[in-house]
Amino acid sequence: VLAARLSEDPYRSILLIEAGLDYPTLETMPDEVRLGYSSPSGMVARSHDWGYTAKAGNRTENIIRGKLVGGSSAVNAQIYLWGLPYDFDRWADLGNTEWSWAETGPWFRKVETDMNFVNGHGSD
């Protein structure tokens, strides 16, 4: 998305570098990538994950980060979720007015094309 937005400026040249494997068709894609968390194991193999962890107190959690073309979007069941408008407006209330929902909401619409739910989602 970032590269696409930057390349909208005809005076810029953009080089996008990705790490990991590339699966050009669904037939070449392993189940863990194609099916995401609905694959039989529900896990992402080390060959497709950077292996990051987060620690809080005595707990350690795996933080799945995609190591293949498409990055983490390729291993998170191919979804992303919008934050809640309240959360963005709270950041604005704390002083970061550029992160209000009024400022960020249009950018979410710009990166999405959802023809089934046109109200509130990008369809233009």
PDB file of N, CA and C in Angstrom:
ATOM      1  N   VAL A   1       0.825  -1.179   0.000  1.00  0.00           N
ATOM      2  CA  VAL A   1       0.000   0.000   0.000  1.00  0.00           C
ATOM      3  C   VAL A   1       0.874   1.249   0.000  1.00  0.00           C
ATOM      4  N   LEU A   2       1.896   1.261   0.835  1.00  0.00           N
ATOM      5  CA  LEU A   2       2.773   2.431   0.898  1.00  0.00           C
ATOM      6  C   LEU A   2       3.441   2.684  -0.446  1.00  0.00           C
ATOM      7  N   ALA A   3       3.965   1.643  -1.066  1.00  0.00           N
ATOM      8  CA  ALA A   3       4.618   1.809  -2.371  1.00  0.00           C
ATOM      9  C   ALA A   3       3.625   2.311  -3.410  1.00  0.00           C
ATOM     10  N   ALA A   4       2.407   1.807  -3.370  1.00  0.00           N
ATOM     11  CA  ALA A   4       1.387   2.260  -4.324  1.00  0.00           C
ATOM     12  C   ALA A   4       1.080   3.735  -4.128  1.00  0.00           C
ATOM     13  N   ARG A   5       0.951   4.155  -2.878  1.00  0.00           N
ATOM     14  CA  ARG A   5       0.671   5.568  -2.602  1.00  0.00           C
ATOM     15  C   ARG A   5       1.836   6.449  -3.037  1.00  0.00           C
ATOM     16  N   LEU A   6       3.060   6.044  -2.715  1.00  0.00           N
ATOM     17  CA  LEU A   6       4.224   6.843  -3.097  1.00  0.00           C
ATOM     18  C   LEU A   6       4.366   6.937  -4.608  1.00  0.00           C
ATOM     19  N   SER A   7       4.028   5.869  -5.304  1.00  0.00           N
ATOM     20  CA  SER A   7       4.195   5.856  -6.759  1.00  0.00           C
ATOM     21  C   SER A   7       3.133   6.679  -7.485  1.00  0.00           C
ATOM     22  N   GLU A   8       2.139   7.182  -6.776  1.00  0.00           N
ATOM     23  CA  GLU A   8       1.153   8.060  -7.403  1.00  0.00           C
ATOM     24  C   GLU A   8       1.780   9.380  -7.843  1.00  0.00           C
ATOM     25  N   ASP A   9       2.894   9.738  -7.248  1.00  0.00           N
ATOM     26  CA  ASP A   9       3.621  10.955  -7.630  1.00  0.00           C
ATOM     27  C   ASP A   9       4.505  10.622  -8.826  1.00  0.00           C
ATOM     28  N   PRO A  10       4.237  11.208 -10.002  1.00  0.00           N
ATOM     29  CA  PRO A  10       5.007  10.852 -11.204  1.00  0.00           C
ATOM     30  C   PRO A  10       6.481  11.259 -11.131  1.00  0.00           C
ATOM     31  N   TYR A  11       6.847  12.063 -10.148  1.00  0.00           N
ATOM     32  CA  TYR A  11       8.238  12.498 -10.008  1.00  0.00           C
ATOM     33  C   TYR A  11       9.046  11.590  -9.087  1.00  0.00           C
ATOM     34  N   ARG A  12       8.429  10.518  -8.613  1.00  0.00           N
ATOM     35  CA  ARG A  12       9.119   9.576  -7.732  1.00  0.00           C
ATOM     36  C   ARG A  12       9.300   8.241  -8.421  1.00  0.00           C
ATOM     37  N   SER A  13      10.428   7.603  -8.130  1.00  0.00           N
ATOM     38  CA  SER A  13      10.654   6.214  -8.527  1.00  0.00           C
ATOM     39  C   SER A  13      10.690   5.394  -7.251  1.00  0.00           C
ATOM     40  N   ILE A  14       9.998   4.285  -7.245  1.00  0.00           N
ATOM     41  CA  ILE A  14       9.875   3.466  -6.044  1.00  0.00           C
ATOM     42  C   ILE A  14      10.457   2.085  -6.307  1.00  0.00           C
ATOM     43  N   LEU A  15      11.307   1.623  -5.397  1.00  0.00           N
ATOM     44  CA  LEU A  15      11.831   0.265  -5.436  1.00  0.00           C
ATOM     45  C   LEU A  15      11.285  -0.458  -4.212  1.00  0.00           C
ATOM     46  N   LEU A  16      10.558  -1.530  -4.432  1.00  0.00           N
ATOM     47  CA  LEU A  16       9.984  -2.305  -3.342  1.00  0.00           C
ATOM     48  C   LEU A  16      10.779  -3.591  -3.197  1.00  0.00           C
ATOM     49  N   ILE A  17      11.320  -3.812  -2.011  1.00  0.00           N
ATOM     50  CA  ILE A  17      12.112  -5.012  -1.744  1.00  0.00           C
ATOM     51  C   ILE A  17      11.370  -5.842  -0.700  1.00  0.00           C
ATOM     52  N   GLU A  18      11.156  -7.106  -1.006  1.00  0.00           N
ATOM     53  CA  GLU A  18      10.502  -8.014  -0.077  1.00  0.00           C
ATOM     54  C   GLU A  18      11.431  -9.185   0.210  1.00  0.00           C
ATOM     55  N   ALA A  19      11.257  -9.800   1.363  1.00  0.00           N
ATOM     56  CA  ALA A  19      12.074 -10.955   1.734  1.00  0.00           C
ATOM     57  C   ALA A  19      11.219 -12.211   1.690  1.00  0.00           C
ATOM     58  N   GLY A  20      11.850 -13.318   1.418  1.00  0.00           N
ATOM     59  CA  GLY A  20      11.147 -14.590   1.475  1.00  0.00           C
ATOM     60  C   GLY A  20      10.687 -15.088   0.129  1.00  0.00           C
ATOM     61  N   LEU A  21       9.884 -16.127   0.189  1.00  0.00           N
ATOM     62  CA  LEU A  21       9.436 -16.827  -1.011  1.00  0.00           C
ATOM     63  C   LEU A  21       8.280 -16.110  -1.695  1.00  0.00           C
ATOM     64  N   ASP A  22       8.128 -16.381  -2.983  1.00  0.00           N
ATOM     65  CA  ASP A  22       7.028 -15.832  -3.767  1.00  0.00           C
ATOM     66  C   ASP A  22       6.232 -16.994  -4.348  1.00  0.00           C
ATOM     67  N   TYR A  23       4.934 -16.947  -4.170  1.00  0.00           N
ATOM     68  CA  TYR A  23       4.050 -17.964  -4.730  1.00  0.00           C
ATOM     69  C   TYR A  23       3.144 -17.273  -5.740  1.00  0.00           C
ATOM     70  N   PRO A  24       3.449 -17.399  -7.027  1.00  0.00           N
ATOM     71  CA  PRO A  24       2.711 -16.638  -8.036  1.00  0.00           C
ATOM     72  C   PRO A  24       1.284 -17.121  -8.290  1.00  0.00           C
ATOM     73  N   THR A  25       0.949 -18.341  -7.895  1.00  0.00           N
ATOM     74  CA  THR A  25      -0.408 -18.853  -8.105  1.00  0.00           C
ATOM     75  C   THR A  25      -0.884 -19.566  -6.847  1.00  0.00           C
ATOM     76  N   LEU A  26      -2.191 -19.732  -6.715  1.00  0.00           N
ATOM     77  CA  LEU A  26      -2.740 -20.472  -5.576  1.00  0.00           C
ATOM     78  C   LEU A  26      -2.266 -21.912  -5.560  1.00  0.00           C
ATOM     79  N   GLU A  27      -2.051 -22.477  -6.734  1.00  0.00           N
ATOM     80  CA  GLU A  27      -1.621 -23.874  -6.816  1.00  0.00           C
ATOM     81  C   GLU A  27      -0.220 -24.075  -6.241  1.00  0.00           C
ATOM     82  N   THR A  28       0.629 -23.076  -6.307  1.00  0.00           N
ATOM     83  CA  THR A  28       1.995 -23.212  -5.789  1.00  0.00           C
ATOM     84  C   THR A  28       2.099 -22.811  -4.322  1.00  0.00           C
ATOM     85  N   MET A  29       1.043 -22.270  -3.774  1.00  0.00           N
ATOM     86  CA  MET A  29       1.052 -21.757  -2.411  1.00  0.00           C
ATOM     87  C   MET A  29       0.755 -22.875  -1.410  1.00  0.00           C
ATOM     88  N   PRO A  30       1.582 -23.040  -0.373  1.00  0.00           N
ATOM     89  CA  PRO A  30       1.288 -24.063   0.639  1.00  0.00           C
ATOM     90  C   PRO A  30       0.010 -23.721   1.415  1.00  0.00           C
ATOM     91  N   ASP A  31      -0.645 -24.751   1.955  1.00  0.00           N
ATOM     92  CA  ASP A  31      -1.898 -24.548   2.683  1.00  0.00           C
ATOM     93  C   ASP A  31      -1.770 -23.506   3.784  1.00  0.00           C
ATOM     94  N   GLU A  32      -0.665 -23.515   4.515  1.00  0.00           N
ATOM     95  CA  GLU A  32      -0.529 -22.585   5.640  1.00  0.00           C
ATOM     96  C   GLU A  32      -0.589 -21.130   5.199  1.00  0.00           C
ATOM     97  N   VAL A  33      -0.195 -20.854   3.971  1.00  0.00           N
ATOM     98  CA  VAL A  33      -0.280 -19.493   3.449  1.00  0.00           C
ATOM     99  C   VAL A  33      -1.639 -19.276   2.793  1.00  0.00           C
ATOM    100  N   ARG A  34      -2.054 -20.201   1.971  1.00  0.00           N
ATOM    101  CA  ARG A  34      -3.311 -20.060   1.229  1.00  0.00           C
ATOM    102  C   ARG A  34      -4.518 -20.041   2.162  1.00  0.00           C
ATOM    103  N   LEU A  35      -4.509 -20.883   3.188  1.00  0.00           N
ATOM    104  CA  LEU A  35      -5.646 -20.995   4.094  1.00  0.00           C
ATOM    105  C   LEU A  35      -5.492 -20.155   5.347  1.00  0.00           C
ATOM    106  N   GLY A  36      -4.309 -19.630   5.586  1.00  0.00           N
ATOM    107  CA  GLY A  36      -4.082 -18.839   6.789  1.00  0.00           C
ATOM    108  C   GLY A  36      -4.289 -19.664   8.041  1.00  0.00           C
ATOM    109  N   TYR A  37      -4.950 -19.074   9.025  1.00  0.00           N
ATOM    110  CA  TYR A  37      -5.144 -19.761  10.294  1.00  0.00           C
ATOM    111  C   TYR A  37      -6.168 -20.877  10.214  1.00  0.00           C
ATOM    112  N   SER A  38      -6.839 -21.021   9.074  1.00  0.00           N
ATOM    113  CA  SER A  38      -7.772 -22.143   8.931  1.00  0.00           C
ATOM    114  C   SER A  38      -7.086 -23.375   8.361  1.00  0.00           C
ATOM    115  N   SER A  39      -5.753 -23.320   8.192  1.00  0.00           N
ATOM    116  CA  SER A  39      -5.023 -24.497   7.731  1.00  0.00           C
ATOM    117  C   SER A  39      -5.074 -25.563   8.820  1.00  0.00           C
ATOM    118  N   PRO A  40      -4.826 -26.823   8.468  1.00  0.00           N
ATOM    119  CA  PRO A  40      -4.916 -27.897   9.470  1.00  0.00           C
ATOM    120  C   PRO A  40      -4.100 -27.638  10.734  1.00  0.00           C
ATOM    121  N   SER A  41      -2.917 -27.081  10.598  1.00  0.00           N
ATOM    122  CA  SER A  41      -2.100 -26.850  11.789  1.00  0.00           C
ATOM    123  C   SER A  41      -2.444 -25.537  12.468  1.00  0.00           C
ATOM    124  N   GLY A  42      -3.032 -24.597  11.726  1.00  0.00           N
ATOM    125  CA  GLY A  42      -3.328 -23.290  12.296  1.00  0.00           C
ATOM    126  C   GLY A  42      -2.086 -22.487  12.611  1.00  0.00           C
ATOM    127  N   MET A  43      -0.957 -22.927  12.115  1.00  0.00           N
ATOM    128  CA  MET A  43       0.317 -22.277  12.417  1.00  0.00           C
ATOM    129  C   MET A  43       1.016 -21.859  11.131  1.00  0.00           C
ATOM    130  N   VAL A  44       1.981 -20.996  11.279  1.00  0.00           N
ATOM    131  CA  VAL A  44       2.801 -20.555  10.153  1.00  0.00           C
ATOM    132  C   VAL A  44       4.190 -21.151  10.330  1.00  0.00           C
ATOM    133  N   ALA A  45       4.678 -21.826   9.305  1.00  0.00           N
ATOM    134  CA  ALA A  45       5.995 -22.473   9.377  1.00  0.00           C
ATOM    135  C   ALA A  45       7.106 -21.434   9.476  1.00  0.00           C
ATOM    136  N   ARG A  46       8.210 -21.837  10.061  1.00  0.00           N
ATOM    137  CA  ARG A  46       9.372 -20.971  10.233  1.00  0.00           C
ATOM    138  C   ARG A  46       9.838 -20.371   8.909  1.00  0.00           C
ATOM    139  N   SER A  47       9.671 -21.098   7.811  1.00  0.00           N
ATOM    140  CA  SER A  47      10.112 -20.583   6.519  1.00  0.00           C
ATOM    141  C   SER A  47       9.285 -19.381   6.070  1.00  0.00           C
ATOM    142  N   HIS A  48       8.132 -19.148   6.692  1.00  0.00           N
ATOM    143  CA  HIS A  48       7.269 -18.021   6.336  1.00  0.00           C
ATOM    144  C   HIS A  48       7.096 -17.035   7.485  1.00  0.00           C
ATOM    145  N   ASP A  49       7.859 -17.169   8.553  1.00  0.00           N
ATOM    146  CA  ASP A  49       7.704 -16.340   9.745  1.00  0.00           C
ATOM    147  C   ASP A  49       9.080 -15.893  10.233  1.00  0.00           C
ATOM    148  N   TRP A  50       9.192 -14.638  10.631  1.00  0.00           N
ATOM    149  CA  TRP A  50      10.470 -14.106  11.117  1.00  0.00           C
ATOM    150  C   TRP A  50      10.814 -14.606  12.519  1.00  0.00           C
ATOM    151  N   GLY A  51       9.873 -15.167  13.243  1.00  0.00           N
ATOM    152  CA  GLY A  51      10.157 -15.740  14.555  1.00  0.00           C
ATOM    153  C   GLY A  51      10.246 -14.730  15.688  1.00  0.00           C
ATOM    154  N   TYR A  52       9.576 -13.594  15.576  1.00  0.00           N
ATOM    155  CA  TYR A  52       9.604 -12.594  16.642  1.00  0.00           C
ATOM    156  C   TYR A  52       8.759 -13.045  17.823  1.00  0.00           C
ATOM    157  N   THR A  53       9.146 -12.626  19.007  1.00  0.00           N
ATOM    158  CA  THR A  53       8.364 -12.882  20.211  1.00  0.00           C
ATOM    159  C   THR A  53       8.224 -11.586  21.001  1.00  0.00           C
ATOM    160  N   ALA A  54       7.215 -11.555  21.847  1.00  0.00           N
ATOM    161  CA  ALA A  54       7.008 -10.440  22.766  1.00  0.00           C
ATOM    162  C   ALA A  54       6.944 -11.019  24.168  1.00  0.00           C
ATOM    163  N   LYS A  55       7.538 -10.306  25.117  1.00  0.00           N
ATOM    164  CA  LYS A  55       7.557 -10.780  26.496  1.00  0.00           C
ATOM    165  C   LYS A  55       6.909  -9.748  27.400  1.00  0.00           C
ATOM    166  N   ALA A  56       6.056 -10.234  28.290  1.00  0.00           N
ATOM    167  CA  ALA A  56       5.427  -9.398  29.306  1.00  0.00           C
ATOM    168  C   ALA A  56       5.372 -10.219  30.581  1.00  0.00           C
ATOM    169  N   GLY A  57       6.096  -9.792  31.578  1.00  0.00           N
ATOM    170  CA  GLY A  57       6.153 -10.555  32.814  1.00  0.00           C
ATOM    171  C   GLY A  57       6.764 -11.919  32.558  1.00  0.00           C
ATOM    172  N   ASN A  58       6.051 -12.964  32.948  1.00  0.00           N
ATOM    173  CA  ASN A  58       6.526 -14.335  32.746  1.00  0.00           C
ATOM    174  C   ASN A  58       5.992 -14.966  31.466  1.00  0.00           C
ATOM    175  N   ARG A  59       5.301 -14.198  30.647  1.00  0.00           N
ATOM    176  CA  ARG A  59       4.699 -14.741  29.424  1.00  0.00           C
ATOM    177  C   ARG A  59       5.506 -14.353  28.198  1.00  0.00           C
ATOM    178  N   THR A  60       5.616 -15.277  27.278  1.00  0.00           N
ATOM    179  CA  THR A  60       6.221 -15.022  25.974  1.00  0.00           C
ATOM    180  C   THR A  60       5.218 -15.442  24.912  1.00  0.00           C
ATOM    181  N   GLU A  61       4.950 -14.557  23.974  1.00  0.00           N
ATOM    182  CA  GLU A  61       4.003 -14.830  22.894  1.00  0.00           C
ATOM    183  C   GLU A  61       4.715 -14.721  21.557  1.00  0.00           C
ATOM    184  N   ASN A  62       4.380 -15.614  20.651  1.00  0.00           N
ATOM    185  CA  ASN A  62       4.891 -15.509  19.287  1.00  0.00           C
ATOM    186  C   ASN A  62       4.152 -14.391  18.573  1.00  0.00           C
ATOM    187  N   ILE A  63       4.891 -13.575  17.849  1.00  0.00           N
ATOM    188  CA  ILE A  63       4.308 -12.507  17.045  1.00  0.00           C
ATOM    189  C   ILE A  63       4.564 -12.875  15.589  1.00  0.00           C
ATOM    190  N   ILE A  64       3.548 -13.385  14.932  1.00  0.00           N
ATOM    191  CA  ILE A  64       3.687 -13.857  13.555  1.00  0.00           C
ATOM    192  C   ILE A  64       3.909 -12.659  12.634  1.00  0.00           C
ATOM    193  N   ARG A  65       5.020 -12.676  11.910  1.00  0.00           N
ATOM    194  CA  ARG A  65       5.360 -11.630  10.941  1.00  0.00           C
ATOM    195  C   ARG A  65       5.784 -12.335   9.668  1.00  0.00           C
ATOM    196  N   GLY A  66       5.060 -12.107   8.596  1.00  0.00           N
ATOM    197  CA  GLY A  66       5.254 -12.844   7.355  1.00  0.00           C
ATOM    198  C   GLY A  66       6.589 -12.611   6.678  1.00  0.00           C
ATOM    199  N   LYS A  67       7.269 -13.704   6.371  1.00  0.00           N
ATOM    200  CA  LYS A  67       8.544 -13.664   5.637  1.00  0.00           C
ATOM    201  C   LYS A  67       8.318 -14.301   4.269  1.00  0.00           C
ATOM    202  N   LEU A  68       7.611 -13.577   3.410  1.00  0.00           N
ATOM    203  CA  LEU A  68       7.333 -13.985   2.041  1.00  0.00           C
ATOM    204  C   LEU A  68       6.794 -12.760   1.322  1.00  0.00           C
ATOM    205  N   VAL A  69       6.704 -12.839   0.017  1.00  0.00           N
ATOM    206  CA  VAL A  69       6.190 -11.701  -0.736  1.00  0.00           C
ATOM    207  C   VAL A  69       4.760 -11.428  -0.282  1.00  0.00           C
ATOM    208  N   GLY A  70       4.498 -10.204   0.093  1.00  0.00           N
ATOM    209  CA  GLY A  70       3.209  -9.829   0.670  1.00  0.00           C
ATOM    210  C   GLY A  70       3.309  -9.611   2.163  1.00  0.00           C
ATOM    211  N   GLY A  71       4.425 -10.049   2.755  1.00  0.00           N
ATOM    212  CA  GLY A  71       4.659  -9.822   4.178  1.00  0.00           C
ATOM    213  C   GLY A  71       3.594 -10.431   5.061  1.00  0.00           C
ATOM    214  N   SER A  72       3.301  -9.750   6.157  1.00  0.00           N
ATOM    215  CA  SER A  72       2.352 -10.280   7.132  1.00  0.00           C
ATOM    216  C   SER A  72       0.940 -10.367   6.586  1.00  0.00           C
ATOM    217  N   SER A  73       0.625  -9.572   5.572  1.00  0.00           N
ATOM    218  CA  SER A  73      -0.701  -9.685   4.950  1.00  0.00           C
ATOM    219  C   SER A  73      -0.909 -11.064   4.344  1.00  0.00           C
ATOM    220  N   ALA A  74       0.166 -11.726   3.967  1.00  0.00           N
ATOM    221  CA  ALA A  74       0.057 -13.038   3.330  1.00  0.00           C
ATOM    222  C   ALA A  74      -0.174 -14.162   4.334  1.00  0.00           C
ATOM    223  N   VAL A  75       0.060 -13.931   5.621  1.00  0.00           N
ATOM    224  CA  VAL A  75      -0.088 -15.007   6.603  1.00  0.00           C
ATOM    225  C   VAL A  75      -1.129 -14.713   7.681  1.00  0.00           C
ATOM    226  N   ASN A  76      -1.848 -13.623   7.572  1.00  0.00           N
ATOM    227  CA  ASN A  76      -2.835 -13.307   8.612  1.00  0.00           C
ATOM    228  C   ASN A  76      -4.258 -13.527   8.128  1.00  0.00           C
ATOM    229  N   ALA A  77      -4.450 -14.570   7.339  1.00  0.00           N
ATOM    230  CA  ALA A  77      -5.755 -14.913   6.761  1.00  0.00           C
ATOM    231  C   ALA A  77      -6.211 -13.860   5.762  1.00  0.00           C
ATOM    232  N   GLN A  78      -5.288 -13.074   5.267  1.00  0.00           N
ATOM    233  CA  GLN A  78      -5.533 -12.067   4.240  1.00  0.00           C
ATOM    234  C   GLN A  78      -6.582 -11.043   4.657  1.00  0.00           C
ATOM    235  N   ILE A  79      -6.563 -10.652   5.927  1.00  0.00           N
ATOM    236  CA  ILE A  79      -7.491  -9.633   6.408  1.00  0.00           C
ATOM    237  C   ILE A  79      -6.722  -8.535   7.122  1.00  0.00           C
ATOM    238  N   TYR A  80      -7.347  -7.412   7.241  1.00  0.00           N
ATOM    239  CA  TYR A  80      -6.881  -6.399   8.170  1.00  0.00           C
ATOM    240  C   TYR A  80      -8.120  -5.741   8.747  1.00  0.00           C
ATOM    241  N   LEU A  81      -8.023  -5.238   9.938  1.00  0.00           N
ATOM    242  CA  LEU A  81      -9.167  -4.639  10.605  1.00  0.00           C
ATOM    243  C   LEU A  81      -8.916  -3.160  10.823  1.00  0.00           C
ATOM    244  N   TRP A  82      -9.939  -2.382  10.609  1.00  0.00           N
ATOM    245  CA  TRP A  82      -9.849  -0.959  10.900  1.00  0.00           C
ATOM    246  C   TRP A  82      -9.889  -0.769  12.410  1.00  0.00           C
ATOM    247  N   GLY A  83      -9.147   0.200  12.886  1.00  0.00           N
ATOM    248  CA  GLY A  83      -9.264   0.570  14.287  1.00  0.00           C
ATOM    249  C   GLY A  83     -10.610   1.238  14.532  1.00  0.00           C
ATOM    250  N   LEU A  84     -10.991   1.355  15.781  1.00  0.00           N
ATOM    251  CA  LEU A  84     -12.259   1.994  16.119  1.00  0.00           C
ATOM    252  C   LEU A  84     -12.121   3.511  16.053  1.00  0.00           C
ATOM    253  N   PRO A  85     -13.104   4.207  15.502  1.00  0.00           N
ATOM    254  CA  PRO A  85     -13.035   5.672  15.448  1.00  0.00           C
ATOM    255  C   PRO A  85     -12.747   6.294  16.814  1.00  0.00           C
ATOM    256  N   TYR A  86     -13.339   5.729  17.869  1.00  0.00           N
ATOM    257  CA  TYR A  86     -13.110   6.252  19.215  1.00  0.00           C
ATOM    258  C   TYR A  86     -11.624   6.270  19.563  1.00  0.00           C
ATOM    259  N   ASP A  87     -10.912   5.195  19.220  1.00  0.00           N
ATOM    260  CA  ASP A  87      -9.488   5.118  19.547  1.00  0.00           C
ATOM    261  C   ASP A  87      -8.694   6.200  18.826  1.00  0.00           C
ATOM    262  N   PHE A  88      -9.000   6.423  17.555  1.00  0.00           N
ATOM    263  CA  PHE A  88      -8.306   7.472  16.811  1.00  0.00           C
ATOM    264  C   PHE A  88      -8.619   8.843  17.406  1.00  0.00           C
ATOM    265  N   ASP A  89      -9.880   9.075  17.746  1.00  0.00           N
ATOM    266  CA  ASP A  89     -10.257  10.360  18.328  1.00  0.00           C
ATOM    267  C   ASP A  89      -9.629  10.556  19.702  1.00  0.00           C
ATOM    268  N   ARG A  90      -9.413   9.480  20.408  1.00  0.00           N
ATOM    269  CA  ARG A  90      -8.737   9.568  21.712  1.00  0.00           C
ATOM    270  C   ARG A  90      -7.298  10.042  21.523  1.00  0.00           C
ATOM    271  N   TRP A  91      -6.610   9.522  20.488  1.00  0.00           N
ATOM    272  CA  TRP A  91      -5.256  10.008  20.203  1.00  0.00           C
ATOM    273  C   TRP A  91      -5.282  11.501  19.903  1.00  0.00           C
ATOM    274  N   ALA A  92      -6.296  11.931  19.163  1.00  0.00           N
ATOM    275  CA  ALA A  92      -6.424  13.362  18.860  1.00  0.00           C
ATOM    276  C   ALA A  92      -6.643  14.154  20.146  1.00  0.00           C
ATOM    277  N   ASP A  93      -7.476  13.630  21.044  1.00  0.00           N
ATOM    278  CA  ASP A  93      -7.718  14.301  22.326  1.00  0.00           C
ATOM    279  C   ASP A  93      -6.443  14.433  23.145  1.00  0.00           C
ATOM    280  N   LEU A  94      -5.527  13.493  22.967  1.00  0.00           N
ATOM    281  CA  LEU A  94      -4.259  13.521  23.702  1.00  0.00           C
ATOM    282  C   LEU A  94      -3.220  14.421  23.038  1.00  0.00           C
ATOM    283  N   GLY A  95      -3.589  15.042  21.905  1.00  0.00           N
ATOM    284  CA  GLY A  95      -2.700  16.013  21.287  1.00  0.00           C
ATOM    285  C   GLY A  95      -2.233  15.704  19.885  1.00  0.00           C
ATOM    286  N   ASN A  96      -2.492  14.498  19.389  1.00  0.00           N
ATOM    287  CA  ASN A  96      -2.043  14.141  18.041  1.00  0.00           C
ATOM    288  C   ASN A  96      -3.225  14.272  17.079  1.00  0.00           C
ATOM    289  N   THR A  97      -3.558  15.514  16.717  1.00  0.00           N
ATOM    290  CA  THR A  97      -4.768  15.779  15.937  1.00  0.00           C
ATOM    291  C   THR A  97      -4.735  15.175  14.540  1.00  0.00           C
ATOM    292  N   GLU A  98      -3.553  14.886  14.015  1.00  0.00           N
ATOM    293  CA  GLU A  98      -3.457  14.267  12.690  1.00  0.00           C
ATOM    294  C   GLU A  98      -3.956  12.824  12.694  1.00  0.00           C
ATOM    295  N   TRP A  99      -4.125  12.231  13.887  1.00  0.00           N
ATOM    296  CA  TRP A  99      -4.570  10.848  13.989  1.00  0.00           C
ATOM    297  C   TRP A  99      -6.030  10.731  14.405  1.00  0.00           C
ATOM    298  N   SER A 100      -6.808  11.794  14.277  1.00  0.00           N
ATOM    299  CA  SER A 100      -8.245  11.694  14.561  1.00  0.00           C
ATOM    300  C   SER A 100      -8.905  10.815  13.501  1.00  0.00           C
ATOM    301  N   TRP A 101     -10.117  10.341  13.796  1.00  0.00           N
ATOM    302  CA  TRP A 101     -10.820   9.523  12.808  1.00  0.00           C
ATOM    303  C   TRP A 101     -11.131  10.339  11.560  1.00  0.00           C
ATOM    304  N   ALA A 102     -11.433  11.613  11.727  1.00  0.00           N
ATOM    305  CA  ALA A 102     -11.719  12.465  10.570  1.00  0.00           C
ATOM    306  C   ALA A 102     -10.513  12.542   9.637  1.00  0.00           C
ATOM    307  N   GLU A 103      -9.305  12.501  10.197  1.00  0.00           N
ATOM    308  CA  GLU A 103      -8.085  12.568   9.385  1.00  0.00           C
ATOM    309  C   GLU A 103      -7.677  11.208   8.825  1.00  0.00           C
ATOM    310  N   THR A 104      -7.864  10.142   9.586  1.00  0.00           N
ATOM    311  CA  THR A 104      -7.377   8.822   9.157  1.00  0.00           C
ATOM    312  C   THR A 104      -8.419   7.996   8.408  1.00  0.00           C
ATOM    313  N   GLY A 105      -9.695   8.178   8.731  1.00  0.00           N
ATOM    314  CA  GLY A 105     -10.749   7.383   8.101  1.00  0.00           C
ATOM    315  C   GLY A 105     -10.713   7.375   6.579  1.00  0.00           C
ATOM    316  N   PRO A 106     -10.535   8.536   5.933  1.00  0.00           N
ATOM    317  CA  PRO A 106     -10.475   8.533   4.466  1.00  0.00           C
ATOM    318  C   PRO A 106      -9.336   7.682   3.903  1.00  0.00           C
ATOM    319  N   TRP A 107      -8.248   7.553   4.639  1.00  0.00           N
ATOM    320  CA  TRP A 107      -7.124   6.729   4.161  1.00  0.00           C
ATOM    321  C   TRP A 107      -7.475   5.246   4.216  1.00  0.00           C
ATOM    322  N   PHE A 108      -8.234   4.834   5.217  1.00  0.00           N
ATOM    323  CA  PHE A 108      -8.700   3.447   5.255  1.00  0.00           C
ATOM    324  C   PHE A 108      -9.581   3.164   4.040  1.00  0.00           C
ATOM    325  N   ARG A 109     -10.481   4.098   3.734  1.00  0.00           N
ATOM    326  CA  ARG A 109     -11.348   3.924   2.560  1.00  0.00           C
ATOM    327  C   ARG A 109     -10.526   3.845   1.286  1.00  0.00           C
ATOM    328  N   LYS A 110      -9.456   4.621   1.213  1.00  0.00           N
ATOM    329  CA  LYS A 110      -8.657   4.683  -0.009  1.00  0.00           C
ATOM    330  C   LYS A 110      -7.957   3.360  -0.311  1.00  0.00           C
ATOM    331  N   VAL A 111      -7.566   2.603   0.712  1.00  0.00           N
ATOM    332  CA  VAL A 111      -6.836   1.353   0.470  1.00  0.00           C
ATOM    333  C   VAL A 111      -7.758   0.147   0.337  1.00  0.00           C
ATOM    334  N   GLU A 112      -9.060   0.360   0.436  1.00  0.00           N
ATOM    335  CA  GLU A 112      -9.983  -0.768   0.419  1.00  0.00           C
ATOM    336  C   GLU A 112     -10.969  -0.646  -0.735  1.00  0.00           C
ATOM    337  N   THR A 113     -11.251  -1.753  -1.360  1.00  0.00           N
ATOM    338  CA  THR A 113     -12.333  -1.836  -2.340  1.00  0.00           C
ATOM    339  C   THR A 113     -13.234  -2.981  -1.911  1.00  0.00           C
ATOM    340  N   ASP A 114     -14.385  -2.656  -1.379  1.00  0.00           N
ATOM    341  CA  ASP A 114     -15.329  -3.664  -0.913  1.00  0.00           C
ATOM    342  C   ASP A 114     -16.668  -3.387  -1.577  1.00  0.00           C
ATOM    343  N   MET A 115     -16.959  -4.119  -2.618  1.00  0.00           N
ATOM    344  CA  MET A 115     -18.170  -3.879  -3.396  1.00  0.00           C
ATOM    345  C   MET A 115     -19.430  -4.395  -2.695  1.00  0.00           C
ATOM    346  N   ASN A 116     -19.279  -5.233  -1.670  1.00  0.00           N
ATOM    347  CA  ASN A 116     -20.440  -5.760  -0.954  1.00  0.00           C
ATOM    348  C   ASN A 116     -20.941  -4.815   0.130  1.00  0.00           C
ATOM    349  N   PHE A 117     -20.051  -4.009   0.674  1.00  0.00           N
ATOM    350  CA  PHE A 117     -20.401  -3.116   1.773  1.00  0.00           C
ATOM    351  C   PHE A 117     -19.909  -1.715   1.427  1.00  0.00           C
ATOM    352  N   VAL A 118     -20.602  -1.066   0.507  1.00  0.00           N
ATOM    353  CA  VAL A 118     -20.094   0.200  -0.015  1.00  0.00           C
ATOM    354  C   VAL A 118     -20.191   1.342   0.988  1.00  0.00           C
ATOM    355  N   ASN A 119     -21.184   1.346   1.847  1.00  0.00           N
ATOM    356  CA  ASN A 119     -21.298   2.420   2.831  1.00  0.00           C
ATOM    357  C   ASN A 119     -20.255   2.244   3.920  1.00  0.00           C
ATOM    358  N   GLY A 120     -19.380   3.221   4.031  1.00  0.00           N
ATOM    359  CA  GLY A 120     -18.339   3.164   5.042  1.00  0.00           C
ATOM    360  C   GLY A 120     -17.077   2.476   4.599  1.00  0.00           C
ATOM    361  N   HIS A 121     -17.098   1.829   3.444  1.00  0.00           N
ATOM    362  CA  HIS A 121     -15.915   1.155   2.919  1.00  0.00           C
ATOM    363  C   HIS A 121     -15.608   1.703   1.540  1.00  0.00           C
ATOM    364  N   GLY A 122     -14.381   1.536   1.110  1.00  0.00           N
ATOM    365  CA  GLY A 122     -13.991   2.019  -0.210  1.00  0.00           C
ATOM    366  C   GLY A 122     -14.642   1.221  -1.323  1.00  0.00           C
ATOM    367  N   SER A 123     -15.249   1.902  -2.248  1.00  0.00           N
ATOM    368  CA  SER A 123     -15.827   1.230  -3.414  1.00  0.00           C
ATOM    369  C   SER A 123     -15.636   2.071  -4.663  1.00  0.00           C
ATOM    370  N   ASP A 124     -14.838   3.111  -4.550  1.00  0.00           N
ATOM    371  CA  ASP A 124     -14.629   4.016  -5.683  1.00  0.00           C
ATOM    372  C   ASP A 124     -13.232   3.900  -6.251  1.00  0.00           C
TER     373      ASP A 124
END
